[in-house]
């Protein structure tokens, strides 16, 4: 393994750094056995837009409940989905 000192060079541009790492393996410069698991508590989960068809009366009721809680109805829907998923997981684990 090459020394880390060789890697401590400063790159003048991001393009030069990118070119360097395309030509060199990071495994040659870093000891993987000393790696630690990274924790990023402030990262938001990735979101994906989907279309869900709901009966109008269900959507109206959801909007009324969300209004009473003073939250957007989509956020309330995500909360309900999350609760349902957790409840289903617990039910499956007890079987």
C-alpha atoms as a PDB file:
ATOM      1  CA  UNK A   1       0.000   0.000   0.000  1.00  0.00           C
ATOM      2  CA  UNK A   2       1.269   3.451  -0.879  1.00  0.00           C
ATOM      3  CA  UNK A   3       1.628   5.996   1.864  1.00  0.00           C
ATOM      4  CA  UNK A   4      -1.118   8.444   2.566  1.00  0.00           C
ATOM      5  CA  UNK A   5       1.415  11.256   2.279  1.00  0.00           C
ATOM      6  CA  UNK A   6       1.459  10.734  -1.473  1.00  0.00           C
ATOM      7  CA  UNK A   7      -2.328  11.231  -1.481  1.00  0.00           C
ATOM      8  CA  UNK A   8      -2.200  14.439   0.559  1.00  0.00           C
ATOM      9  CA  UNK A   9      -1.377  16.430  -2.508  1.00  0.00           C
ATOM     10  CA  UNK A  10      -3.763  19.260  -3.142  1.00  0.00           C
ATOM     11  CA  UNK A  11      -5.489  19.274  -6.465  1.00  0.00           C
ATOM     12  CA  UNK A  12      -5.781  22.579  -8.287  1.00  0.00           C
ATOM     13  CA  UNK A  13      -9.158  21.725  -9.770  1.00  0.00           C
ATOM     14  CA  UNK A  14     -11.856  19.174  -9.206  1.00  0.00           C
ATOM     15  CA  UNK A  15     -11.267  17.903 -12.745  1.00  0.00           C
ATOM     16  CA  UNK A  16      -7.622  17.108 -11.911  1.00  0.00           C
ATOM     17  CA  UNK A  17      -8.683  15.281  -8.767  1.00  0.00           C
ATOM     18  CA  UNK A  18     -11.301  13.350 -10.722  1.00  0.00           C
ATOM     19  CA  UNK A  19      -8.699  12.394 -13.346  1.00  0.00           C
ATOM     20  CA  UNK A  20      -6.317  11.257 -10.599  1.00  0.00           C
ATOM     21  CA  UNK A  21      -8.902   8.991  -8.985  1.00  0.00           C
ATOM     22  CA  UNK A  22      -9.943   7.575 -12.339  1.00  0.00           C
ATOM     23  CA  UNK A  23      -6.339   6.494 -12.882  1.00  0.00           C
ATOM     24  CA  UNK A  24      -5.644   5.302  -9.311  1.00  0.00           C
ATOM     25  CA  UNK A  25      -7.446   2.977  -6.943  1.00  0.00           C
ATOM     26  CA  UNK A  26      -8.372   4.393  -3.527  1.00  0.00           C
ATOM     27  CA  UNK A  27      -7.574   0.939  -2.130  1.00  0.00           C
ATOM     28  CA  UNK A  28      -3.914   1.633  -2.885  1.00  0.00           C
ATOM     29  CA  UNK A  29      -4.003   4.681  -0.598  1.00  0.00           C
ATOM     30  CA  UNK A  30      -6.336   3.803   2.254  1.00  0.00           C
ATOM     31  CA  UNK A  31      -6.236   0.921   4.707  1.00  0.00           C
ATOM     32  CA  UNK A  32      -9.721  -0.566   4.496  1.00  0.00           C
ATOM     33  CA  UNK A  33      -9.205  -2.551   7.707  1.00  0.00           C
ATOM     34  CA  UNK A  34      -9.131   0.763   9.622  1.00  0.00           C
ATOM     35  CA  UNK A  35     -12.322   2.053   8.051  1.00  0.00           C
ATOM     36  CA  UNK A  36     -15.185   3.016  10.340  1.00  0.00           C
ATOM     37  CA  UNK A  37     -18.866   2.935   9.567  1.00  0.00           C
ATOM     38  CA  UNK A  38     -20.103   6.410   8.698  1.00  0.00           C
ATOM     39  CA  UNK A  39     -23.256   7.803  10.250  1.00  0.00           C
ATOM     40  CA  UNK A  40     -25.090  10.711   8.641  1.00  0.00           C
ATOM     41  CA  UNK A  41     -27.970  11.654  10.952  1.00  0.00           C
ATOM     42  CA  UNK A  42     -29.044  14.713   8.954  1.00  0.00           C
ATOM     43  CA  UNK A  43     -29.549  13.009   5.602  1.00  0.00           C
ATOM     44  CA  UNK A  44     -33.105  12.945   4.391  1.00  0.00           C
ATOM     45  CA  UNK A  45     -34.368   9.736   2.825  1.00  0.00           C
ATOM     46  CA  UNK A  46     -34.717   9.724  -0.929  1.00  0.00           C
ATOM     47  CA  UNK A  47     -38.249  10.350  -2.087  1.00  0.00           C
ATOM     48  CA  UNK A  48     -39.959   9.001  -5.155  1.00  0.00           C
ATOM     49  CA  UNK A  49     -43.190  10.367  -6.558  1.00  0.00           C
ATOM     50  CA  UNK A  50     -45.947   7.860  -7.210  1.00  0.00           C
ATOM     51  CA  UNK A  51     -49.572   8.042  -8.268  1.00  0.00           C
ATOM     52  CA  UNK A  52     -52.178   6.430  -6.061  1.00  0.00           C
ATOM     53  CA  UNK A  53     -55.828   6.378  -6.934  1.00  0.00           C
ATOM     54  CA  UNK A  54     -58.021   6.874  -3.870  1.00  0.00           C
ATOM     55  CA  UNK A  55     -61.767   7.079  -3.570  1.00  0.00           C
ATOM     56  CA  UNK A  56     -62.802  10.736  -3.403  1.00  0.00           C
ATOM     57  CA  UNK A  57     -64.506  10.349  -0.035  1.00  0.00           C
ATOM     58  CA  UNK A  58     -61.327   8.821   1.433  1.00  0.00           C
ATOM     59  CA  UNK A  59     -59.238  11.694   0.093  1.00  0.00           C
ATOM     60  CA  UNK A  60     -61.733  14.240   1.438  1.00  0.00           C
ATOM     61  CA  UNK A  61     -61.644  12.598   4.869  1.00  0.00           C
ATOM     62  CA  UNK A  62     -57.854  12.559   4.792  1.00  0.00           C
ATOM     63  CA  UNK A  63     -57.786  16.278   3.979  1.00  0.00           C
ATOM     64  CA  UNK A  64     -60.213  17.038   6.828  1.00  0.00           C
ATOM     65  CA  UNK A  65     -58.084  15.076   9.307  1.00  0.00           C
ATOM     66  CA  UNK A  66     -54.904  16.725   8.046  1.00  0.00           C
ATOM     67  CA  UNK A  67     -56.507  20.154   8.392  1.00  0.00           C
ATOM     68  CA  UNK A  68     -57.466  19.384  12.004  1.00  0.00           C
ATOM     69  CA  UNK A  69     -53.860  18.367  12.717  1.00  0.00           C
ATOM     70  CA  UNK A  70     -52.543  21.357  10.757  1.00  0.00           C
ATOM     71  CA  UNK A  71     -50.347  19.213   8.517  1.00  0.00           C
ATOM     72  CA  UNK A  72     -50.357  18.718   4.751  1.00  0.00           C
ATOM     73  CA  UNK A  73     -52.554  15.789   3.757  1.00  0.00           C
ATOM     74  CA  UNK A  74     -49.677  14.093   1.917  1.00  0.00           C
ATOM     75  CA  UNK A  75     -47.601  14.167   5.102  1.00  0.00           C
ATOM     76  CA  UNK A  76     -50.481  12.673   7.056  1.00  0.00           C
ATOM     77  CA  UNK A  77     -50.858   9.977   4.410  1.00  0.00           C
ATOM     78  CA  UNK A  78     -47.131   9.146   4.744  1.00  0.00           C
ATOM     79  CA  UNK A  79     -47.568   8.915   8.528  1.00  0.00           C
ATOM     80  CA  UNK A  80     -50.501   6.529   8.129  1.00  0.00           C
ATOM     81  CA  UNK A  81     -48.580   4.407   5.643  1.00  0.00           C
ATOM     82  CA  UNK A  82     -45.602   4.286   7.983  1.00  0.00           C
ATOM     83  CA  UNK A  83     -47.785   3.215  10.921  1.00  0.00           C
ATOM     84  CA  UNK A  84     -49.434   0.553   8.784  1.00  0.00           C
ATOM     85  CA  UNK A  85     -46.106  -0.820   7.593  1.00  0.00           C
ATOM     86  CA  UNK A  86     -44.710  -0.948  11.142  1.00  0.00           C
ATOM     87  CA  UNK A  87     -47.855  -2.620  12.424  1.00  0.00           C
ATOM     88  CA  UNK A  88     -47.753  -5.212   9.635  1.00  0.00           C
ATOM     89  CA  UNK A  89     -44.067  -5.944  10.310  1.00  0.00           C
ATOM     90  CA  UNK A  90     -44.784  -6.502  13.993  1.00  0.00           C
ATOM     91  CA  UNK A  91     -47.703  -8.783  13.152  1.00  0.00           C
ATOM     92  CA  UNK A  92     -45.539 -10.837  10.784  1.00  0.00           C
ATOM     93  CA  UNK A  93     -42.739 -11.132  13.360  1.00  0.00           C
ATOM     94  CA  UNK A  94     -45.065 -12.551  16.018  1.00  0.00           C
ATOM     95  CA  UNK A  95     -46.225 -15.386  13.754  1.00  0.00           C
END
